[in-house]
Amino acid sequence: MPRSDAHQFRPGKLISGLVVLGTAAAYTADAAGAWQVPAYLALPVICLGLLLAGAASWVTYSVRRRRAARAASTERNGAPASTSGSQAMR
């Protein structure tokens, strides 16, 4: 049984969330006086984190697409493509 989109693991969202939370935690610690974080550091860190999250999402999409194509090519119990879908109504 295929999994619903609502319950699939999305590593890109996890990475982007962790990067933003980490940046916020670093600047919160800076405001509290625990750390000294340069002001110019936030933008490059968030941009690199979003780039990494995009790459992870692309890899995940590619793997899922390849697995779905492989599963569809080995499926033997479905109707032929020419008799299913909107073309069957014509």
PDB file of N, CA and C in Angstrom:
ATOM      1  N   MET A   1       0.840  -1.169   0.000  1.00  0.00           N
ATOM      2  CA  MET A   1       0.000   0.000   0.000  1.00  0.00           C
ATOM      3  C   MET A   1       0.894   1.244   0.000  1.00  0.00           C
ATOM      4  N   PRO A   2       0.705   2.172  -0.958  1.00  0.00           N
ATOM      5  CA  PRO A   2       1.538   3.371  -1.021  1.00  0.00           C
ATOM      6  C   PRO A   2       1.209   4.315   0.134  1.00  0.00           C
ATOM      7  N   ARG A   3       2.223   5.017   0.548  1.00  0.00           N
ATOM      8  CA  ARG A   3       2.048   5.955   1.649  1.00  0.00           C
ATOM      9  C   ARG A   3       1.500   7.277   1.143  1.00  0.00           C
ATOM     10  N   SER A   4       0.709   7.916   1.954  1.00  0.00           N
ATOM     11  CA  SER A   4       0.140   9.214   1.617  1.00  0.00           C
ATOM     12  C   SER A   4       1.221  10.293   1.687  1.00  0.00           C
ATOM     13  N   ASP A   5       1.050  11.365   0.910  1.00  0.00           N
ATOM     14  CA  ASP A   5       2.005  12.475   0.949  1.00  0.00           C
ATOM     15  C   ASP A   5       2.069  13.132   2.322  1.00  0.00           C
ATOM     16  N   ALA A   6       0.972  13.091   3.064  1.00  0.00           N
ATOM     17  CA  ALA A   6       0.941  13.746   4.362  1.00  0.00           C
ATOM     18  C   ALA A   6       1.825  13.039   5.389  1.00  0.00           C
ATOM     19  N   HIS A   7       2.199  11.795   5.144  1.00  0.00           N
ATOM     20  CA  HIS A   7       2.959  11.039   6.128  1.00  0.00           C
ATOM     21  C   HIS A   7       4.345  10.654   5.650  1.00  0.00           C
ATOM     22  N   GLN A   8       4.779  11.169   4.534  1.00  0.00           N
ATOM     23  CA  GLN A   8       6.121  10.848   4.051  1.00  0.00           C
ATOM     24  C   GLN A   8       7.151  11.715   4.755  1.00  0.00           C
ATOM     25  N   PHE A   9       8.334  11.142   4.935  1.00  0.00           N
ATOM     26  CA  PHE A   9       9.441  11.877   5.541  1.00  0.00           C
ATOM     27  C   PHE A   9       9.993  12.859   4.517  1.00  0.00           C
ATOM     28  N   ARG A  10      10.095  14.106   4.878  1.00  0.00           N
ATOM     29  CA  ARG A  10      10.599  15.165   4.000  1.00  0.00           C
ATOM     30  C   ARG A  10      11.887  15.742   4.591  1.00  0.00           C
ATOM     31  N   PRO A  11      13.046  15.224   4.160  1.00  0.00           N
ATOM     32  CA  PRO A  11      14.299  15.696   4.756  1.00  0.00           C
ATOM     33  C   PRO A  11      14.610  17.160   4.453  1.00  0.00           C
ATOM     34  N   GLY A  12      14.152  17.679   3.336  1.00  0.00           N
ATOM     35  CA  GLY A  12      14.407  19.084   3.018  1.00  0.00           C
ATOM     36  C   GLY A  12      13.751  20.018   4.018  1.00  0.00           C
ATOM     37  N   LYS A  13      12.542  19.697   4.413  1.00  0.00           N
ATOM     38  CA  LYS A  13      11.850  20.515   5.405  1.00  0.00           C
ATOM     39  C   LYS A  13      12.532  20.407   6.765  1.00  0.00           C
ATOM     40  N   LEU A  14      13.004  19.220   7.095  1.00  0.00           N
ATOM     41  CA  LEU A  14      13.713  19.034   8.360  1.00  0.00           C
ATOM     42  C   LEU A  14      14.993  19.862   8.383  1.00  0.00           C
ATOM     43  N   ILE A  15      15.761  19.810   7.307  1.00  0.00           N
ATOM     44  CA  ILE A  15      17.026  20.543   7.252  1.00  0.00           C
ATOM     45  C   ILE A  15      16.797  22.051   7.323  1.00  0.00           C
ATOM     46  N   SER A  16      15.832  22.546   6.544  1.00  0.00           N
ATOM     47  CA  SER A  16      15.589  23.996   6.559  1.00  0.00           C
ATOM     48  C   SER A  16      15.092  24.449   7.929  1.00  0.00           C
ATOM     49  N   GLY A  17      14.248  23.665   8.566  1.00  0.00           N
ATOM     50  CA  GLY A  17      13.773  24.019   9.897  1.00  0.00           C
ATOM     51  C   GLY A  17      14.887  24.036  10.926  1.00  0.00           C
ATOM     52  N   LEU A  18      15.760  23.028  10.856  1.00  0.00           N
ATOM     53  CA  LEU A  18      16.871  22.977  11.804  1.00  0.00           C
ATOM     54  C   LEU A  18      17.854  24.133  11.605  1.00  0.00           C
ATOM     55  N   VAL A  19      18.090  24.504  10.353  1.00  0.00           N
ATOM     56  CA  VAL A  19      19.012  25.622  10.084  1.00  0.00           C
ATOM     57  C   VAL A  19      18.438  26.932  10.619  1.00  0.00           C
ATOM     58  N   VAL A  20      17.156  27.170  10.368  1.00  0.00           N
ATOM     59  CA  VAL A  20      16.544  28.418  10.846  1.00  0.00           C
ATOM     60  C   VAL A  20      16.488  28.426  12.373  1.00  0.00           C
ATOM     61  N   LEU A  21      16.120  27.289  12.973  1.00  0.00           N
ATOM     62  CA  LEU A  21      16.089  27.227  14.436  1.00  0.00           C
ATOM     63  C   LEU A  21      17.486  27.394  15.037  1.00  0.00           C
ATOM     64  N   GLY A  22      18.487  26.805  14.405  1.00  0.00           N
ATOM     65  CA  GLY A  22      19.856  26.956  14.893  1.00  0.00           C
ATOM     66  C   GLY A  22      20.339  28.390  14.806  1.00  0.00           C
ATOM     67  N   THR A  23      20.002  29.058  13.710  1.00  0.00           N
ATOM     68  CA  THR A  23      20.380  30.465  13.557  1.00  0.00           C
ATOM     69  C   THR A  23      19.674  31.327  14.597  1.00  0.00           C
ATOM     70  N   ALA A  24      18.394  31.048  14.802  1.00  0.00           N
ATOM     71  CA  ALA A  24      17.656  31.804  15.820  1.00  0.00           C
ATOM     72  C   ALA A  24      18.227  31.555  17.215  1.00  0.00           C
ATOM     73  N   ALA A  25      18.602  30.315  17.503  1.00  0.00           N
ATOM     74  CA  ALA A  25      19.183  29.999  18.811  1.00  0.00           C
ATOM     75  C   ALA A  25      20.529  30.704  18.997  1.00  0.00           C
ATOM     76  N   ALA A  26      21.319  30.760  17.942  1.00  0.00           N
ATOM     77  CA  ALA A  26      22.615  31.433  18.039  1.00  0.00           C
ATOM     78  C   ALA A  26      22.444  32.920  18.322  1.00  0.00           C
ATOM     79  N   TYR A  27      21.499  33.571  17.650  1.00  0.00           N
ATOM     80  CA  TYR A  27      21.290  34.994  17.879  1.00  0.00           C
ATOM     81  C   TYR A  27      20.584  35.266  19.199  1.00  0.00           C
ATOM     82  N   THR A  28      19.793  34.300  19.668  1.00  0.00           N
ATOM     83  CA  THR A  28      19.204  34.434  21.006  1.00  0.00           C
ATOM     84  C   THR A  28      20.298  34.345  22.065  1.00  0.00           C
ATOM     85  N   ALA A  29      21.229  33.408  21.878  1.00  0.00           N
ATOM     86  CA  ALA A  29      22.356  33.304  22.813  1.00  0.00           C
ATOM     87  C   ALA A  29      23.233  34.556  22.753  1.00  0.00           C
ATOM     88  N   ASP A  30      23.353  35.137  21.567  1.00  0.00           N
ATOM     89  CA  ASP A  30      24.114  36.380  21.430  1.00  0.00           C
ATOM     90  C   ASP A  30      23.415  37.521  22.187  1.00  0.00           C
ATOM     91  N   ALA A  31      22.082  37.574  22.069  1.00  0.00           N
ATOM     92  CA  ALA A  31      21.337  38.628  22.766  1.00  0.00           C
ATOM     93  C   ALA A  31      21.408  38.453  24.284  1.00  0.00           C
ATOM     94  N   ALA A  32      21.499  37.199  24.732  1.00  0.00           N
ATOM     95  CA  ALA A  32      21.583  36.938  26.166  1.00  0.00           C
ATOM     96  C   ALA A  32      22.993  37.148  26.705  1.00  0.00           C
ATOM     97  N   GLY A  33      23.975  37.291  25.818  1.00  0.00           N
ATOM     98  CA  GLY A  33      25.349  37.536  26.227  1.00  0.00           C
ATOM     99  C   GLY A  33      26.184  36.273  26.358  1.00  0.00           C
ATOM    100  N   ALA A  34      25.636  35.123  25.990  1.00  0.00           N
ATOM    101  CA  ALA A  34      26.380  33.870  26.121  1.00  0.00           C
ATOM    102  C   ALA A  34      27.382  33.684  24.987  1.00  0.00           C
ATOM    103  N   TRP A  35      27.068  34.162  23.802  1.00  0.00           N
ATOM    104  CA  TRP A  35      27.943  34.012  22.634  1.00  0.00           C
ATOM    105  C   TRP A  35      28.156  35.367  21.984  1.00  0.00           C
ATOM    106  N   GLN A  36      29.152  35.409  21.123  1.00  0.00           N
ATOM    107  CA  GLN A  36      29.372  36.575  20.273  1.00  0.00           C
ATOM    108  C   GLN A  36      29.240  36.102  18.826  1.00  0.00           C
ATOM    109  N   VAL A  37      28.109  36.380  18.198  1.00  0.00           N
ATOM    110  CA  VAL A  37      27.844  35.962  16.822  1.00  0.00           C
ATOM    111  C   VAL A  37      27.876  37.206  15.939  1.00  0.00           C
ATOM    112  N   PRO A  38      28.704  37.210  14.885  1.00  0.00           N
ATOM    113  CA  PRO A  38      28.724  38.378  13.983  1.00  0.00           C
ATOM    114  C   PRO A  38      27.369  38.571  13.289  1.00  0.00           C
ATOM    115  N   ALA A  39      26.985  39.808  13.108  1.00  0.00           N
ATOM    116  CA  ALA A  39      25.680  40.122  12.530  1.00  0.00           C
ATOM    117  C   ALA A  39      25.572  39.668  11.077  1.00  0.00           C
ATOM    118  N   TYR A  40      26.685  39.674  10.351  1.00  0.00           N
ATOM    119  CA  TYR A  40      26.643  39.314   8.930  1.00  0.00           C
ATOM    120  C   TYR A  40      26.559  37.808   8.697  1.00  0.00           C
ATOM    121  N   LEU A  41      26.609  37.000   9.715  1.00  0.00           N
ATOM    122  CA  LEU A  41      26.672  35.554   9.568  1.00  0.00           C
ATOM    123  C   LEU A  41      25.317  34.908   9.261  1.00  0.00           C
ATOM    124  N   ALA A  42      24.224  35.538   9.635  1.00  0.00           N
ATOM    125  CA  ALA A  42      22.898  34.922   9.490  1.00  0.00           C
ATOM    126  C   ALA A  42      22.531  34.665   8.030  1.00  0.00           C
ATOM    127  N   LEU A  43      22.712  35.634   7.180  1.00  0.00           N
ATOM    128  CA  LEU A  43      22.289  35.486   5.784  1.00  0.00           C
ATOM    129  C   LEU A  43      23.023  34.357   5.054  1.00  0.00           C
ATOM    130  N   PRO A  44      24.349  34.254   5.121  1.00  0.00           N
ATOM    131  CA  PRO A  44      25.015  33.136   4.450  1.00  0.00           C
ATOM    132  C   PRO A  44      24.650  31.775   5.041  1.00  0.00           C
ATOM    133  N   VAL A  45      24.475  31.699   6.349  1.00  0.00           N
ATOM    134  CA  VAL A  45      24.125  30.422   6.976  1.00  0.00           C
ATOM    135  C   VAL A  45      22.744  29.971   6.515  1.00  0.00           C
ATOM    136  N   ILE A  46      21.786  30.872   6.495  1.00  0.00           N
ATOM    137  CA  ILE A  46      20.428  30.509   6.070  1.00  0.00           C
ATOM    138  C   ILE A  46      20.415  30.170   4.580  1.00  0.00           C
ATOM    139  N   CYS A  47      21.146  30.921   3.763  1.00  0.00           N
ATOM    140  CA  CYS A  47      21.192  30.618   2.322  1.00  0.00           C
ATOM    141  C   CYS A  47      21.822  29.251   2.064  1.00  0.00           C
ATOM    142  N   LEU A  48      22.909  28.939   2.748  1.00  0.00           N
ATOM    143  CA  LEU A  48      23.530  27.622   2.578  1.00  0.00           C
ATOM    144  C   LEU A  48      22.622  26.511   3.087  1.00  0.00           C
ATOM    145  N   GLY A  49      21.924  26.779   4.172  1.00  0.00           N
ATOM    146  CA  GLY A  49      20.978  25.785   4.696  1.00  0.00           C
ATOM    147  C   GLY A  49      19.834  25.527   3.731  1.00  0.00           C
ATOM    148  N   LEU A  50      19.322  26.578   3.113  1.00  0.00           N
ATOM    149  CA  LEU A  50      18.249  26.402   2.133  1.00  0.00           C
ATOM    150  C   LEU A  50      18.751  25.695   0.876  1.00  0.00           C
ATOM    151  N   LEU A  51      19.990  25.968   0.494  1.00  0.00           N
ATOM    152  CA  LEU A  51      20.588  25.259  -0.640  1.00  0.00           C
ATOM    153  C   LEU A  51      20.727  23.771  -0.327  1.00  0.00           C
ATOM    154  N   LEU A  52      21.186  23.455   0.861  1.00  0.00           N
ATOM    155  CA  LEU A  52      21.303  22.055   1.283  1.00  0.00           C
ATOM    156  C   LEU A  52      19.934  21.385   1.375  1.00  0.00           C
ATOM    157  N   ALA A  53      18.943  22.101   1.872  1.00  0.00           N
ATOM    158  CA  ALA A  53      17.587  21.559   1.958  1.00  0.00           C
ATOM    159  C   ALA A  53      17.013  21.299   0.562  1.00  0.00           C
ATOM    160  N   GLY A  54      17.275  22.191  -0.374  1.00  0.00           N
ATOM    161  CA  GLY A  54      16.821  21.985  -1.746  1.00  0.00           C
ATOM    162  C   GLY A  54      17.478  20.779  -2.389  1.00  0.00           C
ATOM    163  N   ALA A  55      18.766  20.603  -2.133  1.00  0.00           N
ATOM    164  CA  ALA A  55      19.464  19.433  -2.672  1.00  0.00           C
ATOM    165  C   ALA A  55      18.919  18.142  -2.072  1.00  0.00           C
ATOM    166  N   ALA A  56      18.641  18.157  -0.783  1.00  0.00           N
ATOM    167  CA  ALA A  56      18.079  16.966  -0.136  1.00  0.00           C
ATOM    168  C   ALA A  56      16.688  16.659  -0.682  1.00  0.00           C
ATOM    169  N   SER A  57      15.894  17.682  -0.918  1.00  0.00           N
ATOM    170  CA  SER A  57      14.554  17.481  -1.479  1.00  0.00           C
ATOM    171  C   SER A  57      14.630  16.935  -2.899  1.00  0.00           C
ATOM    172  N   TRP A  58      15.575  17.429  -3.674  1.00  0.00           N
ATOM    173  CA  TRP A  58      15.732  16.948  -5.047  1.00  0.00           C
ATOM    174  C   TRP A  58      16.159  15.481  -5.076  1.00  0.00           C
ATOM    175  N   VAL A  59      17.083  15.115  -4.206  1.00  0.00           N
ATOM    176  CA  VAL A  59      17.530  13.722  -4.137  1.00  0.00           C
ATOM    177  C   VAL A  59      16.379  12.825  -3.689  1.00  0.00           C
ATOM    178  N   THR A  60      15.621  13.253  -2.703  1.00  0.00           N
ATOM    179  CA  THR A  60      14.482  12.476  -2.226  1.00  0.00           C
ATOM    180  C   THR A  60      13.447  12.303  -3.328  1.00  0.00           C
ATOM    181  N   TYR A  61      13.162  13.368  -4.058  1.00  0.00           N
ATOM    182  CA  TYR A  61      12.206  13.298  -5.166  1.00  0.00           C
ATOM    183  C   TYR A  61      12.690  12.316  -6.234  1.00  0.00           C
ATOM    184  N   SER A  62      13.968  12.386  -6.567  1.00  0.00           N
ATOM    185  CA  SER A  62      14.521  11.494  -7.587  1.00  0.00           C
ATOM    186  C   SER A  62      14.437  10.037  -7.162  1.00  0.00           C
ATOM    187  N   VAL A  63      14.753   9.755  -5.913  1.00  0.00           N
ATOM    188  CA  VAL A  63      14.698   8.383  -5.420  1.00  0.00           C
ATOM    189  C   VAL A  63      13.266   7.867  -5.422  1.00  0.00           C
ATOM    190  N   ARG A  64      12.326   8.685  -4.953  1.00  0.00           N
ATOM    191  CA  ARG A  64      10.919   8.250  -4.927  1.00  0.00           C
ATOM    192  C   ARG A  64      10.370   8.058  -6.330  1.00  0.00           C
ATOM    193  N   ARG A  65      10.762   8.922  -7.242  1.00  0.00           N
ATOM    194  CA  ARG A  65      10.289   8.783  -8.621  1.00  0.00           C
ATOM    195  C   ARG A  65      10.841   7.514  -9.260  1.00  0.00           C
ATOM    196  N   ARG A  66      12.119   7.227  -9.023  1.00  0.00           N
ATOM    197  CA  ARG A  66      12.731   6.018  -9.566  1.00  0.00           C
ATOM    198  C   ARG A  66      12.096   4.764  -8.975  1.00  0.00           C
ATOM    199  N   ARG A  67      11.823   4.777  -7.656  1.00  0.00           N
ATOM    200  CA  ARG A  67      11.174   3.621  -7.024  1.00  0.00           C
ATOM    201  C   ARG A  67       9.766   3.414  -7.557  1.00  0.00           C
ATOM    202  N   ALA A  68       9.038   4.495  -7.778  1.00  0.00           N
ATOM    203  CA  ALA A  68       7.674   4.383  -8.303  1.00  0.00           C
ATOM    204  C   ALA A  68       7.683   3.839  -9.731  1.00  0.00           C
ATOM    205  N   ALA A  69       8.641   4.285 -10.543  1.00  0.00           N
ATOM    206  CA  ALA A  69       8.739   3.787 -11.915  1.00  0.00           C
ATOM    207  C   ALA A  69       9.109   2.313 -11.931  1.00  0.00           C
ATOM    208  N   ARG A  70      10.004   1.927 -11.048  1.00  0.00           N
ATOM    209  CA  ARG A  70      10.406   0.520 -10.970  1.00  0.00           C
ATOM    210  C   ARG A  70       9.230  -0.348 -10.508  1.00  0.00           C
ATOM    211  N   ALA A  71       8.454   0.133  -9.539  1.00  0.00           N
ATOM    212  CA  ALA A  71       7.306  -0.621  -9.048  1.00  0.00           C
ATOM    213  C   ALA A  71       6.232  -0.710 -10.128  1.00  0.00           C
ATOM    214  N   ALA A  72       6.042   0.348 -10.902  1.00  0.00           N
ATOM    215  CA  ALA A  72       5.028   0.340 -11.956  1.00  0.00           C
ATOM    216  C   ALA A  72       5.426  -0.584 -13.097  1.00  0.00           C
ATOM    217  N   SER A  73       6.723  -0.704 -13.375  1.00  0.00           N
ATOM    218  CA  SER A  73       7.149  -1.560 -14.477  1.00  0.00           C
ATOM    219  C   SER A  73       7.060  -3.033 -14.125  1.00  0.00           C
ATOM    220  N   THR A  74       7.067  -3.379 -12.845  1.00  0.00           N
ATOM    221  CA  THR A  74       6.966  -4.785 -12.446  1.00  0.00           C
ATOM    222  C   THR A  74       5.548  -5.185 -12.083  1.00  0.00           C
ATOM    223  N   GLU A  75       4.632  -4.241 -12.086  1.00  0.00           N
ATOM    224  CA  GLU A  75       3.247  -4.538 -11.740  1.00  0.00           C
ATOM    225  C   GLU A  75       2.573  -5.285 -12.884  1.00  0.00           C
ATOM    226  N   ARG A  76       1.939  -6.398 -12.580  1.00  0.00           N
ATOM    227  CA  ARG A  76       1.323  -7.231 -13.614  1.00  0.00           C
ATOM    228  C   ARG A  76      -0.194  -7.287 -13.533  1.00  0.00           C
ATOM    229  N   ASN A  77      -0.781  -6.806 -12.465  1.00  0.00           N
ATOM    230  CA  ASN A  77      -2.212  -6.988 -12.277  1.00  0.00           C
ATOM    231  C   ASN A  77      -3.056  -5.793 -12.702  1.00  0.00           C
ATOM    232  N   GLY A  78      -2.481  -4.712 -13.149  1.00  0.00           N
ATOM    233  CA  GLY A  78      -3.230  -3.533 -13.546  1.00  0.00           C
ATOM    234  C   GLY A  78      -3.744  -3.632 -14.976  1.00  0.00           C
ATOM    235  N   ALA A  79      -4.700  -2.781 -15.298  1.00  0.00           N
ATOM    236  CA  ALA A  79      -5.234  -2.732 -16.657  1.00  0.00           C
ATOM    237  C   ALA A  79      -4.223  -2.069 -17.570  1.00  0.00           C
ATOM    238  N   PRO A  80      -4.208  -2.406 -18.842  1.00  0.00           N
ATOM    239  CA  PRO A  80      -3.309  -1.732 -19.788  1.00  0.00           C
ATOM    240  C   PRO A  80      -3.616  -0.239 -19.858  1.00  0.00           C
ATOM    241  N   ALA A  81      -2.625   0.540 -20.165  1.00  0.00           N
ATOM    242  CA  ALA A  81      -2.784   1.985 -20.189  1.00  0.00           C
ATOM    243  C   ALA A  81      -3.805   2.442 -21.221  1.00  0.00           C
ATOM    244  N   SER A  82      -3.989   1.688 -22.287  1.00  0.00           N
ATOM    245  CA  SER A  82      -4.909   2.112 -23.340  1.00  0.00           C
ATOM    246  C   SER A  82      -6.372   1.917 -22.958  1.00  0.00           C
ATOM    247  N   THR A  83      -6.662   1.129 -21.942  1.00  0.00           N
ATOM    248  CA  THR A  83      -8.046   0.908 -21.567  1.00  0.00           C
ATOM    249  C   THR A  83      -8.425   1.557 -20.254  1.00  0.00           C
ATOM    250  N   SER A  84      -7.527   2.272 -19.636  1.00  0.00           N
ATOM    251  CA  SER A  84      -7.848   2.930 -18.375  1.00  0.00           C
ATOM    252  C   SER A  84      -7.769   4.436 -18.537  1.00  0.00           C
ATOM    253  N   GLY A  85      -8.395   5.142 -17.652  1.00  0.00           N
ATOM    254  CA  GLY A  85      -8.316   6.600 -17.691  1.00  0.00           C
ATOM    255  C   GLY A  85      -9.316   7.234 -18.629  1.00  0.00           C
ATOM    256  N   SER A  86      -9.043   8.453 -19.073  1.00  0.00           N
ATOM    257  CA  SER A  86      -9.999   9.202 -19.871  1.00  0.00           C
ATOM    258  C   SER A  86     -10.133   8.671 -21.288  1.00  0.00           C
ATOM    259  N   GLN A  87      -9.126   7.950 -21.804  1.00  0.00           N
ATOM    260  CA  GLN A  87      -9.240   7.432 -23.158  1.00  0.00           C
ATOM    261  C   GLN A  87     -10.284   6.325 -23.261  1.00  0.00           C
ATOM    262  N   ALA A  88     -10.596   5.645 -22.180  1.00  0.00           N
ATOM    263  CA  ALA A  88     -11.577   4.562 -22.194  1.00  0.00           C
ATOM    264  C   ALA A  88     -12.977   5.105 -22.410  1.00  0.00           C
ATOM    265  N   MET A  89     -13.196   6.392 -22.149  1.00  0.00           N
ATOM    266  CA  MET A  89     -14.524   6.974 -22.272  1.00  0.00           C
ATOM    267  C   MET A  89     -14.843   7.372 -23.709  1.00  0.00           C
ATOM    268  N   ARG A  90     -13.869   7.474 -24.551  1.00  0.00           N
ATOM    269  CA  ARG A  90     -14.097   7.950 -25.918  1.00  0.00           C
ATOM    270  C   ARG A  90     -14.745   6.920 -26.776  1.00  0.00           C
TER     271      ARG A  90
END
